[in-house]
Amino acid sequence: MTYNSFEDLEVWKRACRLSVTIYELLIDCQDYGLKGQMTRAAVSIASNIAEGAERHSGPEYKRFLHIAKGSSAELRTQIYIADKINILDHEDAVILVAELKEISAMLQGLISSLKT
């Protein structure tokens, strides 16, 4: 896989858009604990993709992509909780979970494409 920069990766772009969406949906949320956890997990996905790419080491890149996948699962869990306690609208939660599942699959594809 060749690319010039992590900014060229569709998975990084989608993770960034997801982070912005999370911030927008939670802008008026008064549950600061859950809000903080969710925004940190969302930002962590794109951040770890970028950090791993800039390490210029296959094993390090894979490690950071696995961390990004973990953050994706963490955020999905938090979205399920936010949906159940009515912090997020159910339809928004369904869309977010679907997007996170796609991002996670893209990350797995990227991990698999890297030579060991």
Protein backbone atom coordinates (compact mmCIF):
# COMPACT_ATOMS: atom_id res chain seq x y z
CA MET A 1 0.00 0.00 0.00
CA THR A 2 1.44 3.35 -0.99
CA TYR A 3 0.27 6.78 0.03
CA ASN A 4 1.93 10.10 0.64
CA SER A 5 0.50 10.91 4.04
CA PHE A 6 -2.02 9.65 6.55
CA GLU A 7 -4.24 12.53 5.38
CA ASP A 8 -4.71 10.57 2.13
CA LEU A 9 -6.23 7.59 3.94
CA GLU A 10 -10.02 7.35 3.66
CA VAL A 11 -10.22 5.65 7.06
CA TRP A 12 -8.44 8.61 8.67
CA LYS A 13 -10.80 11.08 6.92
CA ARG A 14 -13.85 9.14 8.09
CA ALA A 15 -12.52 8.91 11.64
CA CYS A 16 -12.00 12.69 11.68
CA ARG A 17 -15.54 13.31 10.40
CA LEU A 18 -16.87 10.95 13.05
CA SER A 19 -15.04 12.89 15.78
CA VAL A 20 -16.61 16.14 14.60
CA THR A 21 -20.04 14.51 14.55
CA ILE A 22 -19.60 13.23 18.12
CA TYR A 23 -18.64 16.72 19.30
CA GLU A 24 -21.63 18.25 17.48
CA LEU A 25 -24.11 15.71 18.86
CA LEU A 26 -22.85 16.13 22.42
CA ILE A 27 -22.40 19.91 22.42
CA ASP A 28 -25.26 20.41 24.91
CA CYS A 29 -24.68 17.21 26.89
CA GLN A 30 -24.52 17.85 30.63
CA ASP A 31 -23.13 14.39 31.46
CA TYR A 32 -19.53 15.55 31.37
CA GLY A 33 -18.09 12.18 32.34
CA LEU A 34 -19.60 10.23 29.47
CA LYS A 35 -19.21 13.17 27.08
CA GLY A 36 -15.49 13.38 27.87
CA GLN A 37 -15.00 9.64 27.47
CA MET A 38 -16.80 9.65 24.12
CA THR A 39 -14.98 12.62 22.68
CA ARG A 40 -11.59 11.24 23.80
CA ALA A 41 -12.33 7.82 22.27
CA ALA A 42 -13.49 9.44 19.01
CA VAL A 43 -10.40 11.63 18.71
CA SER A 44 -8.20 8.65 19.60
CA ILE A 45 -9.22 6.72 16.48
CA ALA A 46 -7.95 9.27 13.95
CA SER A 47 -5.04 10.28 16.18
CA ASN A 48 -3.69 6.74 16.44
CA ILE A 49 -3.98 6.21 12.69
CA ALA A 50 -1.91 9.36 12.17
CA GLU A 51 0.63 8.60 14.87
CA GLY A 52 1.19 5.06 13.65
CA ALA A 53 1.63 6.20 10.06
CA GLU A 54 4.23 8.76 11.04
CA ARG A 55 6.30 6.18 12.91
CA HIS A 56 7.48 4.74 9.56
CA SER A 57 7.74 1.28 11.07
CA GLY A 58 5.44 -1.56 10.04
CA PRO A 59 5.17 -3.15 13.49
CA GLU A 60 4.62 0.24 15.17
CA TYR A 61 2.02 1.21 12.57
CA LYS A 62 0.14 -2.05 13.16
CA ARG A 63 0.26 -1.50 16.92
CA PHE A 64 -1.29 1.96 16.60
CA LEU A 65 -3.93 0.68 14.16
CA HIS A 66 -4.88 -1.94 16.73
CA ILE A 67 -5.16 0.81 19.33
CA ALA A 68 -7.43 2.76 16.93
CA LYS A 69 -9.61 -0.35 16.57
CA GLY A 70 -9.80 -0.60 20.35
CA SER A 71 -10.90 3.02 20.58
CA SER A 72 -13.54 2.30 17.96
CA ALA A 73 -14.95 -0.53 20.08
CA GLU A 74 -14.77 1.66 23.19
CA LEU A 75 -16.76 4.40 21.44
CA ARG A 76 -19.34 1.92 20.15
CA THR A 77 -19.90 0.74 23.71
CA GLN A 78 -20.30 4.31 24.93
CA ILE A 79 -22.78 5.02 22.12
CA TYR A 80 -24.88 2.01 23.15
CA ILE A 81 -24.94 3.37 26.70
CA ALA A 82 -25.67 6.95 25.59
CA ASP A 83 -28.55 5.62 23.49
CA LYS A 84 -30.03 3.65 26.40
CA ILE A 85 -29.91 6.62 28.77
CA ASN A 86 -31.25 9.02 26.11
CA ILE A 87 -28.16 11.16 25.73
CA LEU A 88 -28.15 10.31 22.02
CA ASP A 89 -31.13 10.04 19.73
CA HIS A 90 -31.63 6.38 18.78
CA GLU A 91 -31.40 7.05 15.04
CA ASP A 92 -28.11 8.92 15.51
CA ALA A 93 -26.77 6.05 17.62
CA VAL A 94 -27.63 3.51 14.91
CA ILE A 95 -25.84 5.60 12.26
CA LEU A 96 -22.79 6.12 14.47
CA VAL A 97 -22.49 2.42 15.31
CA ALA A 98 -22.73 1.49 11.62
CA GLU A 99 -20.01 4.01 10.74
CA LEU A 100 -17.77 2.72 13.54
CA LYS A 101 -18.21 -0.85 12.33
CA GLU A 102 -17.13 0.25 8.85
CA ILE A 103 -14.15 2.17 10.22
CA SER A 104 -13.14 -0.87 12.26
CA ALA A 105 -13.37 -3.09 9.18
CA MET A 106 -11.28 -0.59 7.21
CA LEU A 107 -8.68 -0.59 9.99
CA GLN A 108 -8.59 -4.39 9.93
CA GLY A 109 -8.09 -4.29 6.17
CA LEU A 110 -5.25 -1.82 6.57
CA ILE A 111 -3.64 -3.97 9.27
CA SER A 112 -3.93 -7.05 7.05
CA SER A 113 -2.37 -5.20 4.11
CA LEU A 114 0.78 -4.33 6.04
CA LYS A 115 3.65 -6.73 5.62
CA THR A 116 4.90 -8.31 8.82
